[in-house]
N, C-alpha and C. Protein backbone atom coordinates (compact mmCIF):
# COMPACT_ATOMS: atom_id res chain seq x y z
N MET A 1 -156.68 -151.50 120.86
CA MET A 1 -156.66 -150.07 119.97
C MET A 1 -155.65 -149.14 120.87
N ASP A 2 -154.55 -148.64 119.69
CA ASP A 2 -153.65 -148.40 120.92
C ASP A 2 -153.35 -147.22 120.35
N PHE A 3 -152.45 -146.17 121.37
CA PHE A 3 -152.74 -144.51 121.44
C PHE A 3 -151.47 -144.35 121.07
N ASN A 4 -150.35 -143.03 120.30
CA ASN A 4 -149.42 -142.20 120.86
C ASN A 4 -149.61 -141.56 122.43
N THR A 5 -148.40 -141.67 122.74
CA THR A 5 -148.58 -140.61 123.69
C THR A 5 -149.35 -139.30 123.32
N ASP A 6 -148.95 -138.63 122.96
CA ASP A 6 -149.86 -137.72 122.38
C ASP A 6 -151.62 -137.76 122.49
N GLU A 7 -151.96 -138.72 121.95
CA GLU A 7 -153.17 -139.01 121.92
C GLU A 7 -153.75 -139.40 122.92
N VAL A 8 -152.84 -140.37 124.01
CA VAL A 8 -153.47 -140.39 125.20
C VAL A 8 -153.71 -139.64 126.05
N ILE A 9 -152.76 -138.47 126.63
CA ILE A 9 -153.05 -137.34 126.90
C ILE A 9 -154.04 -136.43 126.77
N GLY A 10 -154.33 -136.13 125.28
CA GLY A 10 -155.35 -135.96 125.47
C GLY A 10 -156.21 -136.43 126.02
N LEU A 11 -156.96 -137.83 125.18
CA LEU A 11 -158.06 -138.49 126.24
C LEU A 11 -158.11 -138.34 127.45
N VAL A 12 -156.49 -138.25 128.12
CA VAL A 12 -156.74 -138.44 129.89
C VAL A 12 -157.42 -136.42 130.10
N ARG A 13 -156.65 -135.71 129.32
CA ARG A 13 -157.36 -134.46 129.74
C ARG A 13 -158.85 -133.83 129.61
N ARG A 14 -159.62 -135.14 128.42
CA ARG A 14 -160.75 -134.78 128.15
C ARG A 14 -161.49 -135.38 128.70
N TRP A 15 -161.35 -136.50 129.56
CA TRP A 15 -161.84 -137.21 130.46
C TRP A 15 -161.54 -136.65 131.61
N GLY A 16 -160.99 -136.46 132.16
CA GLY A 16 -160.69 -135.15 133.34
C GLY A 16 -161.65 -133.77 133.51
N GLU A 17 -161.78 -133.68 132.01
CA GLU A 17 -162.69 -131.99 131.87
C GLU A 17 -164.15 -133.04 132.41
N GLU A 18 -164.66 -133.77 131.61
CA GLU A 18 -165.82 -134.30 131.18
C GLU A 18 -166.18 -134.82 132.66
N LYS A 19 -165.30 -135.12 133.92
CA LYS A 19 -165.25 -135.54 134.87
C LYS A 19 -165.79 -134.31 136.31
N GLY A 20 -165.43 -133.38 135.56
CA GLY A 20 -164.84 -131.97 136.62
C GLY A 20 -163.79 -131.67 137.12
N LEU A 21 -162.75 -132.54 136.75
CA LEU A 21 -161.52 -133.14 137.68
C LEU A 21 -160.73 -131.76 137.16
N ASP A 22 -160.51 -131.33 136.06
CA ASP A 22 -159.87 -129.95 136.35
C ASP A 22 -160.50 -128.29 136.76
N LYS A 23 -161.58 -128.26 137.62
CA LYS A 23 -162.20 -127.46 138.17
C LYS A 23 -162.00 -127.77 139.59
N ALA A 24 -161.49 -129.28 139.63
CA ALA A 24 -161.15 -129.59 141.66
C ALA A 24 -160.07 -129.13 142.08
N GLU A 25 -159.78 -129.51 143.63
CA GLU A 25 -159.29 -128.71 144.27
C GLU A 25 -157.51 -129.43 144.09
N PRO A 26 -156.47 -129.03 143.65
CA PRO A 26 -155.46 -129.61 143.60
C PRO A 26 -155.11 -130.24 144.62
N SER A 27 -154.89 -129.94 145.81
CA SER A 27 -154.21 -131.02 147.15
C SER A 27 -155.55 -131.91 146.70
N LYS A 28 -156.45 -132.05 146.81
CA LYS A 28 -157.26 -133.48 146.94
C LYS A 28 -156.81 -134.15 145.42
N GLN A 29 -155.61 -133.61 144.53
CA GLN A 29 -155.97 -134.59 143.48
C GLN A 29 -154.19 -135.57 144.03
N PHE A 30 -153.83 -134.08 144.36
CA PHE A 30 -152.47 -134.65 145.09
C PHE A 30 -152.11 -136.04 145.72
N LEU A 31 -153.92 -136.04 146.41
CA LEU A 31 -153.61 -136.99 147.42
C LEU A 31 -154.19 -138.64 146.57
N LYS A 32 -154.83 -138.11 145.47
CA LYS A 32 -155.13 -139.03 144.54
C LYS A 32 -153.62 -139.89 144.05
N VAL A 33 -152.62 -138.68 143.79
CA VAL A 33 -151.29 -139.45 143.11
C VAL A 33 -150.02 -140.03 144.48
N THR A 34 -151.03 -139.85 145.29
CA THR A 34 -149.80 -140.38 146.30
C THR A 34 -150.79 -142.00 146.41
N GLU A 35 -151.69 -141.62 146.79
CA GLU A 35 -152.43 -143.14 146.72
C GLU A 35 -152.09 -143.93 145.87
N GLU A 36 -151.93 -143.64 144.34
CA GLU A 36 -151.64 -144.58 143.27
C GLU A 36 -150.19 -144.54 143.41
N ILE A 37 -149.43 -143.68 144.13
CA ILE A 37 -148.02 -144.54 144.34
C ILE A 37 -147.51 -145.54 145.49
N GLY A 38 -148.73 -145.21 145.85
CA GLY A 38 -148.84 -146.41 147.10
C GLY A 38 -149.48 -147.71 146.32
N GLU A 39 -149.82 -147.82 144.96
CA GLU A 39 -150.03 -149.01 144.80
C GLU A 39 -148.92 -149.58 143.88
N VAL A 40 -148.05 -148.31 143.20
CA VAL A 40 -146.68 -148.94 142.56
C VAL A 40 -145.48 -149.66 143.66
N ALA A 41 -145.86 -148.93 144.98
CA ALA A 41 -145.42 -149.72 145.78
C ALA A 41 -145.49 -151.06 146.46
N ALA A 42 -147.02 -151.59 146.25
CA ALA A 42 -147.24 -152.48 146.64
C ALA A 42 -147.00 -153.50 145.32
N ALA A 43 -147.20 -152.97 144.16
CA ALA A 43 -147.34 -153.79 143.23
C ALA A 43 -145.70 -154.68 142.82
N LEU A 44 -144.50 -153.47 143.14
CA LEU A 44 -143.08 -153.95 143.29
C LEU A 44 -142.58 -154.61 144.25
N ALA A 45 -143.35 -154.54 145.43
CA ALA A 45 -143.15 -155.42 147.01
C ALA A 45 -143.55 -156.48 146.29
N ARG A 46 -144.51 -156.77 145.57
CA ARG A 46 -145.25 -158.21 145.14
C ARG A 46 -145.17 -159.36 143.94
N ASP A 47 -143.63 -158.26 143.06
CA ASP A 47 -143.43 -158.56 142.17
C ASP A 47 -144.38 -159.01 140.89
N ASN A 48 -145.42 -157.58 140.87
CA ASN A 48 -146.57 -158.06 140.15
C ASN A 48 -146.57 -157.35 138.74
N GLN A 49 -146.27 -157.56 138.17
CA GLN A 49 -145.67 -157.12 136.68
C GLN A 49 -147.05 -156.21 136.18
N ASN A 50 -148.29 -157.07 136.04
CA ASN A 50 -149.86 -156.90 135.85
C ASN A 50 -150.01 -155.15 136.70
N ALA A 51 -150.12 -155.59 137.81
CA ALA A 51 -150.72 -154.52 138.75
C ALA A 51 -149.63 -153.69 138.44
N LEU A 52 -148.23 -153.43 138.54
CA LEU A 52 -147.08 -152.56 138.27
C LEU A 52 -147.89 -151.58 137.16
N GLU A 53 -147.74 -151.65 135.94
CA GLU A 53 -148.09 -151.32 134.86
C GLU A 53 -149.68 -150.63 135.08
N ASP A 54 -150.55 -151.57 135.90
CA ASP A 54 -152.10 -150.11 136.19
C ASP A 54 -151.36 -149.48 136.65
N ALA A 55 -151.10 -149.40 137.85
CA ALA A 55 -150.09 -148.59 138.87
C ALA A 55 -149.72 -147.22 138.36
N LEU A 56 -148.85 -147.45 137.06
CA LEU A 56 -148.01 -146.60 136.76
C LEU A 56 -148.64 -145.65 136.37
N GLY A 57 -149.14 -146.03 135.12
CA GLY A 57 -150.16 -145.39 134.75
C GLY A 57 -150.95 -144.55 134.90
N ASP A 58 -151.19 -145.35 136.29
CA ASP A 58 -152.83 -144.68 136.93
C ASP A 58 -152.45 -143.19 137.87
N THR A 59 -150.27 -143.70 138.00
CA THR A 59 -150.11 -142.56 138.78
C THR A 59 -150.19 -141.56 137.25
N VAL A 60 -149.93 -141.48 136.18
CA VAL A 60 -149.79 -140.55 135.49
C VAL A 60 -150.78 -139.95 134.95
N VAL A 61 -151.67 -140.89 135.24
CA VAL A 61 -153.00 -139.84 135.15
C VAL A 61 -153.60 -139.12 136.22
N THR A 62 -152.85 -139.23 137.21
CA THR A 62 -153.15 -138.66 138.58
C THR A 62 -152.17 -137.00 138.42
N LEU A 63 -151.25 -137.12 137.72
CA LEU A 63 -149.73 -136.34 137.11
C LEU A 63 -150.77 -135.36 136.27
N ILE A 64 -151.12 -135.99 135.19
CA ILE A 64 -151.64 -134.86 133.99
C ILE A 64 -152.73 -134.40 134.56
N ILE A 65 -153.25 -134.96 135.12
CA ILE A 65 -154.88 -134.07 135.84
C ILE A 65 -154.52 -132.64 136.98
N LEU A 66 -153.18 -133.28 137.64
CA LEU A 66 -153.07 -132.82 138.86
C LEU A 66 -152.05 -130.69 137.87
N ALA A 67 -151.55 -131.75 136.75
CA ALA A 67 -150.56 -130.61 136.27
C ALA A 67 -152.01 -129.09 135.27
N GLU A 68 -152.77 -130.26 135.06
CA GLU A 68 -154.00 -129.47 134.33
C GLU A 68 -154.49 -128.21 135.12
N GLN A 69 -154.63 -128.65 136.34
CA GLN A 69 -155.49 -128.07 137.28
C GLN A 69 -154.67 -126.83 138.33
N LYS A 70 -153.28 -126.82 137.76
CA LYS A 70 -152.50 -125.75 137.72
C LYS A 70 -151.97 -124.86 136.95
N GLY A 71 -152.52 -125.41 135.64
CA GLY A 71 -152.04 -124.41 134.85
C GLY A 71 -150.90 -124.66 133.82
N LEU A 72 -150.85 -126.49 134.32
CA LEU A 72 -149.55 -126.18 133.43
C LEU A 72 -149.88 -127.46 132.57
N ALA A 73 -148.85 -128.07 131.69
CA ALA A 73 -148.85 -129.43 130.84
C ALA A 73 -147.96 -130.35 131.18
N LEU A 74 -148.66 -131.42 131.80
CA LEU A 74 -146.88 -132.48 131.94
C LEU A 74 -145.93 -132.56 131.24
N GLU A 75 -145.82 -132.82 129.75
CA GLU A 75 -145.42 -132.55 128.84
C GLU A 75 -144.32 -131.48 128.77
N ASP A 76 -144.65 -130.18 129.60
CA ASP A 76 -143.43 -128.99 129.87
C ASP A 76 -142.63 -129.07 131.14
N CYS A 77 -143.92 -129.70 132.18
CA CYS A 77 -142.85 -129.93 133.53
C CYS A 77 -141.92 -131.22 133.46
N LEU A 78 -142.02 -132.38 132.52
CA LEU A 78 -140.81 -133.65 131.67
C LEU A 78 -140.17 -132.51 130.88
N THR A 79 -139.96 -132.33 130.23
CA THR A 79 -138.86 -130.90 130.02
C THR A 79 -138.19 -130.37 130.79
N VAL A 80 -138.87 -129.64 131.31
CA VAL A 80 -137.99 -128.63 132.23
C VAL A 80 -137.04 -129.76 133.45
N ALA A 81 -138.24 -130.63 133.56
CA ALA A 81 -137.15 -131.72 134.64
C ALA A 81 -135.69 -132.42 133.97
N TYR A 82 -136.45 -132.62 132.40
CA TYR A 82 -134.91 -133.12 131.63
C TYR A 82 -133.73 -132.21 131.92
N LYS A 83 -134.05 -130.60 131.44
CA LYS A 83 -133.30 -129.53 131.34
C LYS A 83 -132.24 -129.91 132.31
N VAL A 84 -133.02 -130.33 133.79
CA VAL A 84 -132.09 -129.93 134.72
C VAL A 84 -131.21 -131.42 135.23
N ILE A 85 -131.84 -132.56 134.54
CA ILE A 85 -131.27 -133.79 134.93
C ILE A 85 -130.02 -134.39 133.78
N LYS A 86 -130.09 -133.62 132.64
CA LYS A 86 -129.34 -134.12 131.23
C LYS A 86 -127.97 -134.27 132.09
N ASP A 87 -127.41 -133.00 132.17
CA ASP A 87 -126.27 -133.53 132.61
C ASP A 87 -125.70 -133.61 134.01
N ARG A 88 -126.38 -134.45 134.56
CA ARG A 88 -126.13 -134.31 135.82
C ARG A 88 -125.41 -135.17 136.22
N GLN A 89 -124.55 -135.56 137.05
CA GLN A 89 -123.03 -136.47 137.47
C GLN A 89 -123.73 -137.20 138.60
N GLY A 90 -123.11 -138.08 139.04
CA GLY A 90 -123.51 -138.88 139.79
C GLY A 90 -123.06 -140.52 140.41
N GLU A 91 -123.35 -141.35 140.62
CA GLU A 91 -123.27 -142.52 140.56
C GLU A 91 -124.16 -143.19 141.69
N MET A 92 -123.83 -144.72 141.29
CA MET A 92 -124.92 -144.90 141.65
C MET A 92 -124.19 -145.83 142.98
N LYS A 93 -125.16 -146.12 143.80
CA LYS A 93 -125.00 -146.84 145.69
C LYS A 93 -125.97 -147.44 145.79
N ASP A 94 -125.26 -148.53 146.06
CA ASP A 94 -126.90 -149.92 146.30
C ASP A 94 -127.89 -149.48 145.55
N GLY A 95 -127.62 -149.56 144.39
CA GLY A 95 -129.18 -149.44 143.42
C GLY A 95 -129.34 -148.07 143.37
N VAL A 96 -129.31 -147.08 143.60
CA VAL A 96 -129.39 -145.73 143.71
C VAL A 96 -128.47 -144.49 142.87
N PHE A 97 -129.51 -143.84 142.06
CA PHE A 97 -128.45 -142.92 141.59
C PHE A 97 -128.29 -141.79 142.46
N ILE A 98 -127.38 -141.23 143.26
CA ILE A 98 -127.05 -140.12 144.24
C ILE A 98 -126.26 -139.17 143.51
N LYS A 99 -127.29 -137.87 143.10
CA LYS A 99 -126.52 -136.60 142.44
C LYS A 99 -125.06 -136.17 143.27
N SER A 100 -124.14 -135.60 142.14
CA SER A 100 -122.81 -135.59 142.59
C SER A 100 -123.02 -134.53 143.56
N GLU A 101 -124.00 -133.69 144.08
CA GLU A 101 -123.90 -132.89 145.34
C GLU A 101 -124.43 -133.56 146.53
N ASP A 102 -124.65 -134.69 146.22
CA ASP A 102 -125.29 -135.20 147.83
C ASP A 102 -124.67 -136.25 147.90
N LEU A 103 -123.56 -136.25 147.57
CA LEU A 103 -121.94 -137.44 147.68
C LEU A 103 -121.15 -136.85 149.10
């Protein structure tokens, strides 16, 4: 079963509501975000593509729920971030993009 991005975000929101996560404490949800980020790091360290895919997906799920808990939509947060970075200048150093003001 395949979903488009809008559908799956809606399903995640509904799942979170069914579990009562929309009413939970955002600081606790942030702990879940960092737990999933740790799993991303572990998957990268082990070069495990399947685990990386799962961990990245789980991270997005936790961020969708955190945004909802704070009355935000992840899509809106992403739009705000893109507007900030779209014209950003900088350069790559050792495989990391460094914005101009930090050079």
